[in-house]
Amino acid sequence: MAGTPDDPKSWPWLQAQILAKGAAIAESLRSGVGATDPVPNLDWNVGRLGAHIVSIPQMYLQAQSGDLTFPDIDKVDEFSDGTAAAVGTTEPHELADLLVPELQTFLAMLGDDGESPAKFYQWDLTAQQAGGVVLSELLVHHLDLIGATGEPRSVARITGDQARAAFAGLFPASQHVVNPEVARTCNGVIHIHLTGSHGGDHWTTTIAGDTAVNTPGKPAKADFHTRAEPVSLLLTSLGRTSQAKALLTGQIIGYGRKPLIGFRSQNLFHDI
């Protein structure tokens, strides 16, 4: 995809954001926090969280060689423990030294063309979409980390452009991890409008049978509409803030002729 580091829709911009966020996380890991310090609202300590963050580019690098498959849903925690253990350390300073080089290696593997083929586990994405998924993980886990380091929230601030770039990867990726039991209860078409510059972004989720497909753009007709500030939707989608709060403050607005579809689809996709 053409563009420059100043264009939030471009691959160079996304690459720069991934590296900058990696560097910021590394600084937080060097802030004096200990490996055994607890992370608020997570079952992990700092060492376990840091190892998971470093494992992200390692896993996605492995996926590009066709050597990584998504685990059975009931074994996701076991899979995560294994990939974190494979990093080989839980010491924050050592993890900080590893993170940016691992991200650089991952991005070098993807190359200079954001439209080139890439993998999300065993499924096909573009390089830019895979990068968006990785950015989403870095964004949310930096917020987790500063809960332990005590740094101000501004250190891990997420911008609307970053959230929209993350969704540009999360939407194509998540359709491969649909919860079929949920899908069967909410067949229909959902229109999602992420607000922002130049009108924001529009996505269509089409749920049929036990599948769901996410495509960019507005649907001709929708059963339910969601209009959302992208950072709020990212944090609610990943369980880092209350959906009720986002709804009450107008950060997320849902409406449509079939409101039950919006309600029932809240857990449509498994956590990735």
C-alpha atoms as a PDB file:
ATOM      1  CA  MET A   1       0.000   0.000   0.000  1.00  0.00           C
ATOM      2  CA  ALA A   2       1.395   3.378  -0.977  1.00  0.00           C
ATOM      3  CA  GLY A   3       1.878   6.086   1.587  1.00  0.00           C
ATOM      4  CA  THR A   4       4.275   7.797   3.926  1.00  0.00           C
ATOM      5  CA  PRO A   5       4.952   7.720   7.669  1.00  0.00           C
ATOM      6  CA  ASP A   6       2.592  10.733   7.915  1.00  0.00           C
ATOM      7  CA  ASP A   7      -0.392   8.867   6.397  1.00  0.00           C
ATOM      8  CA  PRO A   8      -2.296   6.813   9.026  1.00  0.00           C
ATOM      9  CA  LYS A   9      -3.666   4.556   6.290  1.00  0.00           C
ATOM     10  CA  SER A  10      -0.208   3.607   5.052  1.00  0.00           C
ATOM     11  CA  TRP A  11       2.054   0.667   5.787  1.00  0.00           C
ATOM     12  CA  PRO A  12       5.088   2.911   6.545  1.00  0.00           C
ATOM     13  CA  TRP A  13       2.999   4.728   9.161  1.00  0.00           C
ATOM     14  CA  LEU A  14       1.868   1.473  10.750  1.00  0.00           C
ATOM     15  CA  GLN A  15       5.409   0.087  10.822  1.00  0.00           C
ATOM     16  CA  ALA A  16       6.603   3.253  12.567  1.00  0.00           C
ATOM     17  CA  GLN A  17       3.774   3.020  15.109  1.00  0.00           C
ATOM     18  CA  ILE A  18       4.601  -0.601  15.920  1.00  0.00           C
ATOM     19  CA  LEU A  19       8.269   0.202  16.519  1.00  0.00           C
ATOM     20  CA  ALA A  20       7.481   3.337  18.542  1.00  0.00           C
ATOM     21  CA  LYS A  21       5.037   1.437  20.738  1.00  0.00           C
ATOM     22  CA  GLY A  22       7.597  -1.341  21.204  1.00  0.00           C
ATOM     23  CA  ALA A  23      10.168   1.231  22.317  1.00  0.00           C
ATOM     24  CA  ALA A  24       7.667   2.785  24.744  1.00  0.00           C
ATOM     25  CA  ILE A  25       6.864  -0.611  26.263  1.00  0.00           C
ATOM     26  CA  ALA A  26      10.589  -1.291  26.614  1.00  0.00           C
ATOM     27  CA  GLU A  27      10.981   1.956  28.548  1.00  0.00           C
ATOM     28  CA  SER A  28       8.154   0.926  30.878  1.00  0.00           C
ATOM     29  CA  LEU A  29       9.852  -2.422  31.454  1.00  0.00           C
ATOM     30  CA  ARG A  30      13.022  -0.507  32.403  1.00  0.00           C
ATOM     31  CA  SER A  31      11.188   1.776  34.842  1.00  0.00           C
ATOM     32  CA  GLY A  32      12.182  -0.230  37.920  1.00  0.00           C
ATOM     33  CA  VAL A  33       9.261  -2.633  38.036  1.00  0.00           C
ATOM     34  CA  GLY A  34       9.992  -6.181  39.214  1.00  0.00           C
ATOM     35  CA  ALA A  35       9.244  -9.450  37.461  1.00  0.00           C
ATOM     36  CA  THR A  36       7.010 -10.678  40.300  1.00  0.00           C
ATOM     37  CA  ASP A  37       5.061  -7.434  40.696  1.00  0.00           C
ATOM     38  CA  PRO A  38       1.339  -8.054  40.088  1.00  0.00           C
ATOM     39  CA  VAL A  39      -0.472  -6.573  37.111  1.00  0.00           C
ATOM     40  CA  PRO A  40      -3.814  -5.059  38.132  1.00  0.00           C
ATOM     41  CA  ASN A  41      -6.877  -6.772  36.637  1.00  0.00           C
ATOM     42  CA  LEU A  42      -4.812  -9.632  35.192  1.00  0.00           C
ATOM     43  CA  ASP A  43      -3.779 -12.995  36.614  1.00  0.00           C
ATOM     44  CA  TRP A  44      -0.230 -12.386  35.338  1.00  0.00           C
ATOM     45  CA  ASN A  45       2.697 -10.679  37.008  1.00  0.00           C
ATOM     46  CA  VAL A  46       4.990  -8.265  35.138  1.00  0.00           C
ATOM     47  CA  GLY A  47       7.389 -10.987  34.047  1.00  0.00           C
ATOM     48  CA  ARG A  48       4.595 -13.111  32.567  1.00  0.00           C
ATOM     49  CA  LEU A  49       3.030 -10.119  30.826  1.00  0.00           C
ATOM     50  CA  GLY A  50       6.376  -8.953  29.450  1.00  0.00           C
ATOM     51  CA  ALA A  51       7.177 -12.423  28.159  1.00  0.00           C
ATOM     52  CA  HIS A  52       3.815 -12.527  26.411  1.00  0.00           C
ATOM     53  CA  ILE A  53       4.471  -9.168  24.748  1.00  0.00           C
ATOM     54  CA  VAL A  54       7.848 -10.336  23.441  1.00  0.00           C
ATOM     55  CA  SER A  55       6.265 -13.585  22.243  1.00  0.00           C
ATOM     56  CA  ILE A  56       3.871 -11.668  19.960  1.00  0.00           C
ATOM     57  CA  PRO A  57       6.354 -10.802  17.181  1.00  0.00           C
ATOM     58  CA  GLN A  58       7.992 -14.192  17.659  1.00  0.00           C
ATOM     59  CA  MET A  59       4.675 -15.985  17.080  1.00  0.00           C
ATOM     60  CA  TYR A  60       3.749 -13.920  14.054  1.00  0.00           C
ATOM     61  CA  LEU A  61       7.190 -14.426  12.588  1.00  0.00           C
ATOM     62  CA  GLN A  62       6.686 -18.181  13.014  1.00  0.00           C
ATOM     63  CA  ALA A  63       3.287 -17.907  11.347  1.00  0.00           C
ATOM     64  CA  GLN A  64       4.821 -16.421   8.196  1.00  0.00           C
ATOM     65  CA  SER A  65       6.703 -19.674   7.636  1.00  0.00           C
ATOM     66  CA  GLY A  66       3.455 -21.646   7.843  1.00  0.00           C
ATOM     67  CA  ASP A  67       4.463 -23.228  11.132  1.00  0.00           C
ATOM     68  CA  LEU A  68       1.814 -21.869  13.508  1.00  0.00           C
ATOM     69  CA  THR A  69      -1.820 -22.867  13.889  1.00  0.00           C
ATOM     70  CA  PHE A  70      -4.488 -21.426  16.152  1.00  0.00           C
ATOM     71  CA  PRO A  71      -5.005 -23.634  19.227  1.00  0.00           C
ATOM     72  CA  ASP A  72      -8.246 -25.268  20.229  1.00  0.00           C
ATOM     73  CA  ILE A  73     -10.297 -22.708  22.141  1.00  0.00           C
ATOM     74  CA  ASP A  74     -10.107 -24.713  25.366  1.00  0.00           C
ATOM     75  CA  LYS A  75      -6.301 -24.750  25.094  1.00  0.00           C
ATOM     76  CA  VAL A  76      -5.651 -21.053  24.457  1.00  0.00           C
ATOM     77  CA  ASP A  77      -4.301 -20.437  27.978  1.00  0.00           C
ATOM     78  CA  GLU A  78      -1.975 -23.432  27.704  1.00  0.00           C
ATOM     79  CA  PHE A  79      -0.790 -22.207  24.298  1.00  0.00           C
ATOM     80  CA  SER A  80      -0.141 -18.707  25.681  1.00  0.00           C
ATOM     81  CA  ASP A  81       1.835 -20.110  28.601  1.00  0.00           C
ATOM     82  CA  GLY A  82       3.977 -22.115  26.202  1.00  0.00           C
ATOM     83  CA  THR A  83       4.790 -19.230  23.876  1.00  0.00           C
ATOM     84  CA  ALA A  84       5.644 -16.989  26.825  1.00  0.00           C
ATOM     85  CA  ALA A  85       7.915 -19.653  28.337  1.00  0.00           C
ATOM     86  CA  ALA A  86       9.709 -20.004  24.994  1.00  0.00           C
ATOM     87  CA  VAL A  87      10.923 -16.398  25.308  1.00  0.00           C
ATOM     88  CA  GLY A  88      13.355 -17.696  27.914  1.00  0.00           C
ATOM     89  CA  THR A  89      13.228 -14.933  30.514  1.00  0.00           C
ATOM     90  CA  THR A  90      10.829 -13.000  32.708  1.00  0.00           C
ATOM     91  CA  GLU A  91      13.279 -10.305  33.796  1.00  0.00           C
ATOM     92  CA  PRO A  92      11.920  -6.892  32.755  1.00  0.00           C
ATOM     93  CA  HIS A  93      15.274  -5.436  31.619  1.00  0.00           C
ATOM     94  CA  GLU A  94      16.027  -8.508  29.511  1.00  0.00           C
ATOM     95  CA  LEU A  95      12.555  -8.421  27.979  1.00  0.00           C
ATOM     96  CA  ALA A  96      13.006  -4.721  27.222  1.00  0.00           C
ATOM     97  CA  ASP A  97      16.221  -5.498  25.334  1.00  0.00           C
ATOM     98  CA  LEU A  98      14.470  -8.185  23.282  1.00  0.00           C
ATOM     99  CA  LEU A  99      11.273  -6.443  22.260  1.00  0.00           C
ATOM    100  CA  VAL A 100      12.253  -3.896  19.606  1.00  0.00           C
ATOM    101  CA  PRO A 101      14.722  -6.227  17.814  1.00  0.00           C
ATOM    102  CA  GLU A 102      12.016  -8.912  17.668  1.00  0.00           C
ATOM    103  CA  LEU A 103       9.559  -6.399  16.192  1.00  0.00           C
ATOM    104  CA  GLN A 104      12.173  -5.261  13.668  1.00  0.00           C
ATOM    105  CA  THR A 105      12.756  -8.859  12.571  1.00  0.00           C
ATOM    106  CA  PHE A 106       9.017  -9.439  12.196  1.00  0.00           C
ATOM    107  CA  LEU A 107       8.522  -6.285  10.117  1.00  0.00           C
ATOM    108  CA  ALA A 108      11.535  -7.092   7.947  1.00  0.00           C
ATOM    109  CA  MET A 109       9.988 -10.469   7.183  1.00  0.00           C
ATOM    110  CA  LEU A 110       6.732  -8.793   6.095  1.00  0.00           C
ATOM    111  CA  GLY A 111       8.612  -6.466   3.746  1.00  0.00           C
ATOM    112  CA  ASP A 112       7.917  -3.036   2.276  1.00  0.00           C
ATOM    113  CA  ASP A 113       4.563  -3.736   0.611  1.00  0.00           C
ATOM    114  CA  GLY A 114       1.582  -3.590   2.944  1.00  0.00           C
ATOM    115  CA  GLU A 115      -0.541  -5.509   0.451  1.00  0.00           C
ATOM    116  CA  SER A 116       1.853  -8.467   0.283  1.00  0.00           C
ATOM    117  CA  PRO A 117       0.587 -11.843   1.606  1.00  0.00           C
ATOM    118  CA  ALA A 118       0.977 -12.532   5.311  1.00  0.00           C
ATOM    119  CA  LYS A 119      -0.382 -14.986   7.848  1.00  0.00           C
ATOM    120  CA  PHE A 120      -2.565 -14.741  10.929  1.00  0.00           C
ATOM    121  CA  TYR A 121      -1.809 -18.174  12.373  1.00  0.00           C
ATOM    122  CA  GLN A 122      -2.754 -20.456   9.424  1.00  0.00           C
ATOM    123  CA  TRP A 123      -5.036 -17.925   7.713  1.00  0.00           C
ATOM    124  CA  ASP A 124      -4.232 -15.449   4.949  1.00  0.00           C
ATOM    125  CA  LEU A 125      -4.057 -11.708   5.589  1.00  0.00           C
ATOM    126  CA  THR A 126      -2.057  -8.868   4.113  1.00  0.00           C
ATOM    127  CA  ALA A 127       1.096  -7.552   5.777  1.00  0.00           C
ATOM    128  CA  GLN A 128      -0.767  -4.413   6.839  1.00  0.00           C
ATOM    129  CA  GLN A 129      -3.600  -6.424   8.379  1.00  0.00           C
ATOM    130  CA  ALA A 130      -1.171  -8.640  10.312  1.00  0.00           C
ATOM    131  CA  GLY A 131       0.587  -5.503  11.493  1.00  0.00           C
ATOM    132  CA  GLY A 132      -2.721  -4.108  12.727  1.00  0.00           C
ATOM    133  CA  VAL A 133      -3.307  -7.201  14.857  1.00  0.00           C
ATOM    134  CA  VAL A 134       0.174  -6.902  16.358  1.00  0.00           C
ATOM    135  CA  LEU A 135      -0.360  -3.201  17.066  1.00  0.00           C
ATOM    136  CA  SER A 136      -3.621  -3.991  18.865  1.00  0.00           C
ATOM    137  CA  GLU A 137      -1.781  -6.331  21.231  1.00  0.00           C
ATOM    138  CA  LEU A 138       0.964  -3.811  21.921  1.00  0.00           C
ATOM    139  CA  LEU A 139      -1.517  -1.015  22.591  1.00  0.00           C
ATOM    140  CA  VAL A 140      -3.650  -2.878  25.095  1.00  0.00           C
ATOM    141  CA  HIS A 141      -0.781  -4.604  26.881  1.00  0.00           C
ATOM    142  CA  HIS A 142       1.080  -1.328  27.394  1.00  0.00           C
ATOM    143  CA  LEU A 143      -1.990  -0.112  29.250  1.00  0.00           C
ATOM    144  CA  ASP A 144      -1.903  -3.311  31.325  1.00  0.00           C
ATOM    145  CA  LEU A 145       1.784  -2.807  32.075  1.00  0.00           C
ATOM    146  CA  ILE A 146       1.563   0.767  33.336  1.00  0.00           C
ATOM    147  CA  GLY A 147      -0.981  -0.417  35.868  1.00  0.00           C
ATOM    148  CA  ALA A 148       1.973  -2.218  37.466  1.00  0.00           C
ATOM    149  CA  THR A 149       4.691   0.368  36.823  1.00  0.00           C
ATOM    150  CA  GLY A 150       2.663   3.258  38.216  1.00  0.00           C
ATOM    151  CA  GLU A 151       3.455   5.473  35.231  1.00  0.00           C
ATOM    152  CA  PRO A 152       0.816   8.011  34.177  1.00  0.00           C
ATOM    153  CA  ARG A 153      -1.843   6.761  31.778  1.00  0.00           C
ATOM    154  CA  SER A 154      -0.618   9.253  29.179  1.00  0.00           C
ATOM    155  CA  VAL A 155       2.495   7.084  28.712  1.00  0.00           C
ATOM    156  CA  ALA A 156       0.318   4.410  27.112  1.00  0.00           C
ATOM    157  CA  ARG A 157      -2.198   6.713  25.433  1.00  0.00           C
ATOM    158  CA  ILE A 158      -3.943   5.202  22.399  1.00  0.00           C
ATOM    159  CA  THR A 159      -4.898   7.513  19.544  1.00  0.00           C
ATOM    160  CA  GLY A 160      -7.931   7.177  17.330  1.00  0.00           C
ATOM    161  CA  ASP A 161      -5.718   6.550  14.304  1.00  0.00           C
ATOM    162  CA  GLN A 162      -3.906   3.747  16.132  1.00  0.00           C
ATOM    163  CA  ALA A 163      -7.204   2.124  17.111  1.00  0.00           C
ATOM    164  CA  ARG A 164      -8.524   2.346  13.554  1.00  0.00           C
ATOM    165  CA  ALA A 165      -5.315   0.764  12.238  1.00  0.00           C
ATOM    166  CA  ALA A 166      -5.685  -2.000  14.799  1.00  0.00           C
ATOM    167  CA  PHE A 167      -9.266  -2.683  13.710  1.00  0.00           C
ATOM    168  CA  ALA A 168      -8.141  -2.814  10.074  1.00  0.00           C
ATOM    169  CA  GLY A 169      -6.305  -5.973  11.138  1.00  0.00           C
ATOM    170  CA  LEU A 170      -8.641  -7.242  13.838  1.00  0.00           C
ATOM    171  CA  PHE A 171     -11.763  -7.287  11.676  1.00  0.00           C
ATOM    172  CA  PRO A 172     -10.265  -9.461   8.905  1.00  0.00           C
ATOM    173  CA  ALA A 173      -8.538 -11.693  11.475  1.00  0.00           C
ATOM    174  CA  SER A 174     -11.452 -12.181  13.871  1.00  0.00           C
ATOM    175  CA  GLN A 175     -13.755 -13.693  11.247  1.00  0.00           C
ATOM    176  CA  HIS A 176     -11.553 -16.796  11.458  1.00  0.00           C
ATOM    177  CA  VAL A 177     -12.302 -17.255  15.166  1.00  0.00           C
ATOM    178  CA  VAL A 178     -16.089 -16.959  15.262  1.00  0.00           C
ATOM    179  CA  ASN A 179     -17.987 -18.451  18.172  1.00  0.00           C
ATOM    180  CA  PRO A 180     -20.512 -20.531  16.189  1.00  0.00           C
ATOM    181  CA  GLU A 181     -22.941 -20.865  19.094  1.00  0.00           C
ATOM    182  CA  VAL A 182     -23.203 -17.077  19.342  1.00  0.00           C
ATOM    183  CA  ALA A 183     -23.379 -16.624  15.566  1.00  0.00           C
ATOM    184  CA  ARG A 184     -26.414 -18.882  15.306  1.00  0.00           C
ATOM    185  CA  THR A 185     -28.345 -16.572  17.671  1.00  0.00           C
ATOM    186  CA  CYS A 186     -27.718 -13.327  15.788  1.00  0.00           C
ATOM    187  CA  ASN A 187     -27.875 -13.893  12.035  1.00  0.00           C
ATOM    188  CA  GLY A 188     -28.098 -10.593  10.197  1.00  0.00           C
ATOM    189  CA  VAL A 189     -26.057  -7.614   9.048  1.00  0.00           C
ATOM    190  CA  ILE A 190     -24.269  -5.195  11.390  1.00  0.00           C
ATOM    191  CA  HIS A 191     -22.851  -1.853  10.256  1.00  0.00           C
ATOM    192  CA  ILE A 192     -19.948  -0.498  12.328  1.00  0.00           C
ATOM    193  CA  HIS A 193     -18.880   3.133  11.944  1.00  0.00           C
ATOM    194  CA  LEU A 194     -15.561   4.018  13.548  1.00  0.00           C
ATOM    195  CA  THR A 195     -15.520   7.785  13.888  1.00  0.00           C
ATOM    196  CA  GLY A 196     -12.497   9.860  12.948  1.00  0.00           C
ATOM    197  CA  SER A 197     -10.875  12.020  10.306  1.00  0.00           C
ATOM    198  CA  HIS A 198     -12.270  12.078   6.771  1.00  0.00           C
ATOM    199  CA  GLY A 199     -15.486  10.453   7.959  1.00  0.00           C
ATOM    200  CA  GLY A 200     -13.850   7.597   9.819  1.00  0.00           C
ATOM    201  CA  ASP A 201     -14.074   3.961   8.735  1.00  0.00           C
ATOM    202  CA  HIS A 202     -17.065   1.773   7.939  1.00  0.00           C
ATOM    203  CA  TRP A 203     -17.234  -2.007   8.321  1.00  0.00           C
ATOM    204  CA  THR A 204     -19.928  -4.589   7.638  1.00  0.00           C
ATOM    205  CA  THR A 205     -20.346  -7.795   9.632  1.00  0.00           C
ATOM    206  CA  THR A 206     -22.530 -10.363   7.873  1.00  0.00           C
ATOM    207  CA  ILE A 207     -23.600 -13.215  10.150  1.00  0.00           C
ATOM    208  CA  ALA A 208     -25.109 -16.292   8.505  1.00  0.00           C
ATOM    209  CA  GLY A 209     -25.531 -19.728  10.047  1.00  0.00           C
ATOM    210  CA  ASP A 210     -22.546 -20.240  12.327  1.00  0.00           C
ATOM    211  CA  THR A 211     -20.189 -17.919  10.408  1.00  0.00           C
ATOM    212  CA  ALA A 212     -19.456 -14.196  10.321  1.00  0.00           C
ATOM    213  CA  VAL A 213     -17.602 -12.230   7.659  1.00  0.00           C
ATOM    214  CA  ASN A 214     -16.190  -8.722   8.145  1.00  0.00           C
ATOM    215  CA  THR A 215     -15.770  -6.518   5.081  1.00  0.00           C
ATOM    216  CA  PRO A 216     -14.785  -2.861   4.729  1.00  0.00           C
ATOM    217  CA  GLY A 217     -17.476  -0.395   3.715  1.00  0.00           C
ATOM    218  CA  LYS A 218     -21.123   0.306   4.425  1.00  0.00           C
ATOM    219  CA  PRO A 219     -23.797  -2.334   3.798  1.00  0.00           C
ATOM    220  CA  ALA A 220     -26.700  -1.570   1.484  1.00  0.00           C
ATOM    221  CA  LYS A 221     -28.989  -2.390   4.423  1.00  0.00           C
ATOM    222  CA  ALA A 222     -28.227  -3.224   8.042  1.00  0.00           C
ATOM    223  CA  ASP A 223     -30.204  -4.805  10.865  1.00  0.00           C
ATOM    224  CA  PHE A 224     -28.131  -3.054  13.505  1.00  0.00           C
ATOM    225  CA  HIS A 225     -25.759  -0.078  13.519  1.00  0.00           C
ATOM    226  CA  THR A 226     -22.884   0.686  15.893  1.00  0.00           C
ATOM    227  CA  ARG A 227     -21.282   4.127  15.892  1.00  0.00           C
ATOM    228  CA  ALA A 228     -18.162   4.159  18.034  1.00  0.00           C
ATOM    229  CA  GLU A 229     -15.183   6.217  19.042  1.00  0.00           C
ATOM    230  CA  PRO A 230     -12.466   3.739  17.976  1.00  0.00           C
ATOM    231  CA  VAL A 231     -10.377   3.773  21.161  1.00  0.00           C
ATOM    232  CA  SER A 232     -13.438   3.081  23.300  1.00  0.00           C
ATOM    233  CA  LEU A 233     -14.550   0.247  21.033  1.00  0.00           C
ATOM    234  CA  LEU A 234     -11.055  -1.262  21.064  1.00  0.00           C
ATOM    235  CA  LEU A 235     -10.877  -1.201  24.863  1.00  0.00           C
ATOM    236  CA  THR A 236     -14.383  -2.593  25.343  1.00  0.00           C
ATOM    237  CA  SER A 237     -13.831  -5.272  22.697  1.00  0.00           C
ATOM    238  CA  LEU A 238     -10.666  -6.420  24.467  1.00  0.00           C
ATOM    239  CA  GLY A 239     -12.239  -6.272  27.923  1.00  0.00           C
ATOM    240  CA  ARG A 240     -10.225  -3.337  29.236  1.00  0.00           C
ATOM    241  CA  THR A 241     -13.131  -1.023  29.978  1.00  0.00           C
ATOM    242  CA  SER A 242     -16.834  -1.304  30.678  1.00  0.00           C
ATOM    243  CA  GLN A 243     -19.168  -1.385  27.710  1.00  0.00           C
ATOM    244  CA  ALA A 244     -21.892   0.075  29.924  1.00  0.00           C
ATOM    245  CA  LYS A 245     -19.702   3.106  30.635  1.00  0.00           C
ATOM    246  CA  ALA A 246     -18.943   3.574  26.934  1.00  0.00           C
ATOM    247  CA  LEU A 247     -22.665   3.417  26.129  1.00  0.00           C
ATOM    248  CA  LEU A 248     -23.668   5.799  28.915  1.00  0.00           C
ATOM    249  CA  THR A 249     -21.062   8.379  27.868  1.00  0.00           C
ATOM    250  CA  GLY A 250     -22.002   8.175  24.196  1.00  0.00           C
ATOM    251  CA  GLN A 251     -18.640   6.766  23.132  1.00  0.00           C
ATOM    252  CA  ILE A 252     -20.508   3.819  21.615  1.00  0.00           C
ATOM    253  CA  ILE A 253     -24.035   4.141  20.219  1.00  0.00           C
ATOM    254  CA  GLY A 254     -26.091   1.194  18.991  1.00  0.00           C
ATOM    255  CA  TYR A 255     -29.399   1.316  17.154  1.00  0.00           C
ATOM    256  CA  GLY A 256     -31.390  -0.534  14.526  1.00  0.00           C
ATOM    257  CA  ARG A 257     -34.546  -2.417  13.639  1.00  0.00           C
ATOM    258  CA  LYS A 258     -33.233  -5.623  15.225  1.00  0.00           C
ATOM    259  CA  PRO A 259     -31.587  -4.537  18.497  1.00  0.00           C
ATOM    260  CA  LEU A 260     -31.268  -8.123  19.744  1.00  0.00           C
ATOM    261  CA  ILE A 261     -28.657  -8.770  17.068  1.00  0.00           C
ATOM    262  CA  GLY A 262     -26.465  -6.073  18.578  1.00  0.00           C
ATOM    263  CA  PHE A 263     -26.935  -7.455  22.075  1.00  0.00           C
ATOM    264  CA  ARG A 264     -26.384 -11.103  21.170  1.00  0.00           C
ATOM    265  CA  SER A 265     -23.319 -10.450  19.011  1.00  0.00           C
ATOM    266  CA  GLN A 266     -21.205  -9.047  21.854  1.00  0.00           C
ATOM    267  CA  ASN A 267     -19.199 -12.294  22.160  1.00  0.00           C
ATOM    268  CA  LEU A 268     -19.355 -13.220  18.476  1.00  0.00           C
ATOM    269  CA  PHE A 269     -15.579 -13.611  18.171  1.00  0.00           C
ATOM    270  CA  HIS A 270     -13.244 -15.559  20.412  1.00  0.00           C
ATOM    271  CA  ASP A 271     -10.453 -13.569  22.061  1.00  0.00           C
ATOM    272  CA  ILE A 272      -7.385 -13.455  19.797  1.00  0.00           C
END
